Amino acid sequence: MSGEPLERYFRVSQGGRQSRPSGRLWCPAADVYRTHDGWIVKLDLAGIQPDDVEISGGGQYLRISGLRRDSFCGEGVSHYQLEITYSRFEKTIQFPRSIEHATIEREYHDGLLVLRLREEEEGRKGQARAAGRK
């Protein structure tokens, strides 16, 4: 999957924050790592279909949202115990600086969505110069 257009696997939108979906939301766990050329964001999205994930960003924010559906229940099936949340989810991550021009590569396997945000070379040089002036 790596290197192919993100739009092929996930609905991607640019721009400002969209309205929150109605209903109960859950917030998936996420790890964020700093790398020499950007960021790695890893989200726990077990049971999520790639078509049910939307990734959007603007400024310092990355928003991952979507829906986990219960595809095992059908007619004639009643629940005995329910602990897994099946509903809309949303995770917003704020970075210490803009990620607006970062490129995104992604992997989705074993229930984990891994996003690699790579900053443009010119953007990293400008940030290094600004940090050196402090």
Protein backbone atom coordinates (compact mmCIF):
# COMPACT_ATOMS: atom_id res chain seq x y z
CA MET A 1 0.00 0.00 0.00
CA SER A 2 2.85 2.40 0.72
CA GLY A 3 3.52 5.03 -1.89
CA GLU A 4 0.07 4.83 -3.53
CA PRO A 5 -2.27 7.79 -3.38
CA LEU A 6 -3.89 8.15 0.04
CA GLU A 7 -7.25 8.83 -1.60
CA ARG A 8 -7.30 5.27 -2.93
CA TYR A 9 -7.68 3.80 0.56
CA PHE A 10 -9.16 6.60 2.66
CA ARG A 11 -11.46 9.54 2.05
CA VAL A 12 -9.23 12.61 2.37
CA SER A 13 -10.36 16.18 2.75
CA GLN A 14 -8.40 19.38 3.20
CA GLY A 15 -9.31 22.56 4.99
CA GLY A 16 -10.80 23.56 8.30
CA ARG A 17 -12.50 21.50 10.93
CA GLN A 18 -15.75 19.90 9.85
CA SER A 19 -18.83 19.55 12.01
CA ARG A 20 -18.86 16.73 14.52
CA PRO A 21 -20.94 13.70 13.65
CA SER A 22 -24.00 13.17 15.78
CA GLY A 23 -24.27 10.30 18.22
CA ARG A 24 -21.84 8.65 20.61
CA LEU A 25 -18.18 9.05 19.68
CA TRP A 26 -15.22 7.02 20.79
CA CYS A 27 -11.64 8.16 20.64
CA PRO A 28 -9.12 5.55 19.48
CA ALA A 29 -5.75 5.30 21.19
CA ALA A 30 -2.86 6.89 19.28
CA ASP A 31 0.93 7.06 19.53
CA VAL A 32 2.83 9.96 17.93
CA TYR A 33 6.56 9.79 17.18
CA ARG A 34 8.94 12.51 15.94
CA THR A 35 11.34 11.48 13.19
CA HIS A 36 14.19 13.28 11.45
CA ASP A 37 11.92 14.19 8.52
CA GLY A 38 8.47 14.44 10.08
CA TRP A 39 6.10 12.40 12.23
CA ILE A 40 4.67 8.91 12.64
CA VAL A 41 1.11 8.58 13.93
CA LYS A 42 -0.15 5.12 14.89
CA LEU A 43 -3.84 4.54 15.69
CA ASP A 44 -5.58 1.49 17.11
CA LEU A 45 -8.46 0.97 14.66
CA ALA A 46 -9.33 -2.71 15.05
CA GLY A 47 -12.38 -3.73 13.06
CA ILE A 48 -12.40 -0.62 10.87
CA GLN A 49 -12.72 -0.88 7.10
CA PRO A 50 -10.40 1.52 5.20
CA ASP A 51 -13.42 2.95 3.33
CA ASP A 52 -14.89 4.00 6.69
CA VAL A 53 -11.92 6.24 7.60
CA GLU A 54 -11.55 9.93 6.75
CA ILE A 55 -8.30 11.85 7.22
CA SER A 56 -8.25 15.64 7.15
CA GLY A 57 -5.82 18.28 8.21
CA GLY A 58 -5.13 21.95 8.39
CA GLY A 59 -2.54 24.05 10.18
CA GLN A 60 -1.26 22.16 13.20
CA TYR A 61 -4.09 19.61 13.29
CA LEU A 62 -4.61 16.12 11.91
CA ARG A 63 -8.10 14.64 12.26
CA ILE A 64 -8.91 10.97 11.76
CA SER A 65 -12.57 10.01 11.92
CA GLY A 66 -14.88 7.31 10.74
CA LEU A 67 -17.15 4.48 11.76
CA ARG A 68 -16.74 1.01 13.25
CA ARG A 69 -19.64 -1.24 12.25
CA ASP A 70 -20.74 -4.52 13.78
CA SER A 71 -20.90 -6.79 10.74
CA PHE A 72 -21.44 -10.02 12.70
CA CYS A 73 -24.95 -9.34 13.93
CA GLY A 74 -27.85 -10.13 11.70
CA GLU A 75 -31.46 -11.06 11.88
CA GLY A 76 -32.24 -13.59 14.59
CA VAL A 77 -29.10 -12.76 16.61
CA SER A 78 -29.38 -11.12 20.02
CA HIS A 79 -26.51 -9.92 22.16
CA TYR A 80 -25.45 -11.49 25.43
CA GLN A 81 -22.48 -9.24 26.24
CA LEU A 82 -21.29 -6.08 24.43
CA GLU A 83 -18.00 -4.39 25.31
CA ILE A 84 -16.73 -3.21 21.93
CA THR A 85 -17.90 0.23 20.85
CA TYR A 86 -19.53 0.26 17.42
CA SER A 87 -20.15 3.85 16.41
CA ARG A 88 -18.46 6.92 14.99
CA PHE A 89 -14.93 7.70 16.14
CA GLU A 90 -12.77 10.78 16.01
CA LYS A 91 -9.17 11.54 16.95
CA THR A 92 -7.63 14.99 16.58
CA ILE A 93 -3.90 15.40 17.06
CA GLN A 94 -2.27 18.80 17.51
CA PHE A 95 1.34 19.17 16.41
CA PRO A 96 3.74 21.85 17.69
CA ARG A 97 3.89 23.37 14.18
CA SER A 98 2.00 23.30 10.90
CA ILE A 99 1.74 20.02 9.00
CA GLU A 100 -0.11 21.69 6.14
CA HIS A 101 2.50 20.84 3.49
CA ALA A 102 3.51 17.41 4.78
CA THR A 103 3.07 14.39 2.53
CA ILE A 104 1.29 11.41 4.05
CA GLU A 105 2.12 7.75 3.54
CA ARG A 106 -0.01 5.14 5.22
CA GLU A 107 -0.16 1.49 6.14
CA TYR A 108 -3.16 -0.36 7.54
CA HIS A 109 -2.75 -3.88 8.83
CA ASP A 110 -3.54 -5.93 11.91
CA GLY A 111 -5.95 -3.23 13.11
CA LEU A 112 -3.33 -0.46 13.16
CA LEU A 113 -3.35 2.60 10.93
CA VAL A 114 0.18 4.01 10.60
CA LEU A 115 0.56 7.45 9.03
CA ARG A 116 3.98 8.82 8.10
CA LEU A 117 3.93 12.59 7.70
CA ARG A 118 7.02 13.77 5.84
CA GLU A 119 7.80 17.46 5.95
CA GLU A 120 9.05 19.18 2.84
CA GLU A 121 12.81 19.75 2.82
CA GLU A 122 12.46 23.54 2.54
CA GLY A 123 10.03 23.63 5.48
CA ARG A 124 12.50 21.71 7.71
CA LYS A 125 15.36 24.09 6.79
CA GLY A 126 13.24 27.15 7.61
CA GLN A 127 12.19 25.69 10.96
CA ALA A 128 15.82 24.83 11.81
CA ARG A 129 16.89 28.39 11.03
CA ALA A 130 14.09 29.78 13.20
CA ALA A 131 15.03 27.44 16.07
CA GLY A 132 18.66 28.55 15.81
CA ARG A 133 17.67 32.21 16.34
CA LYS A 134 16.04 31.53 19.73
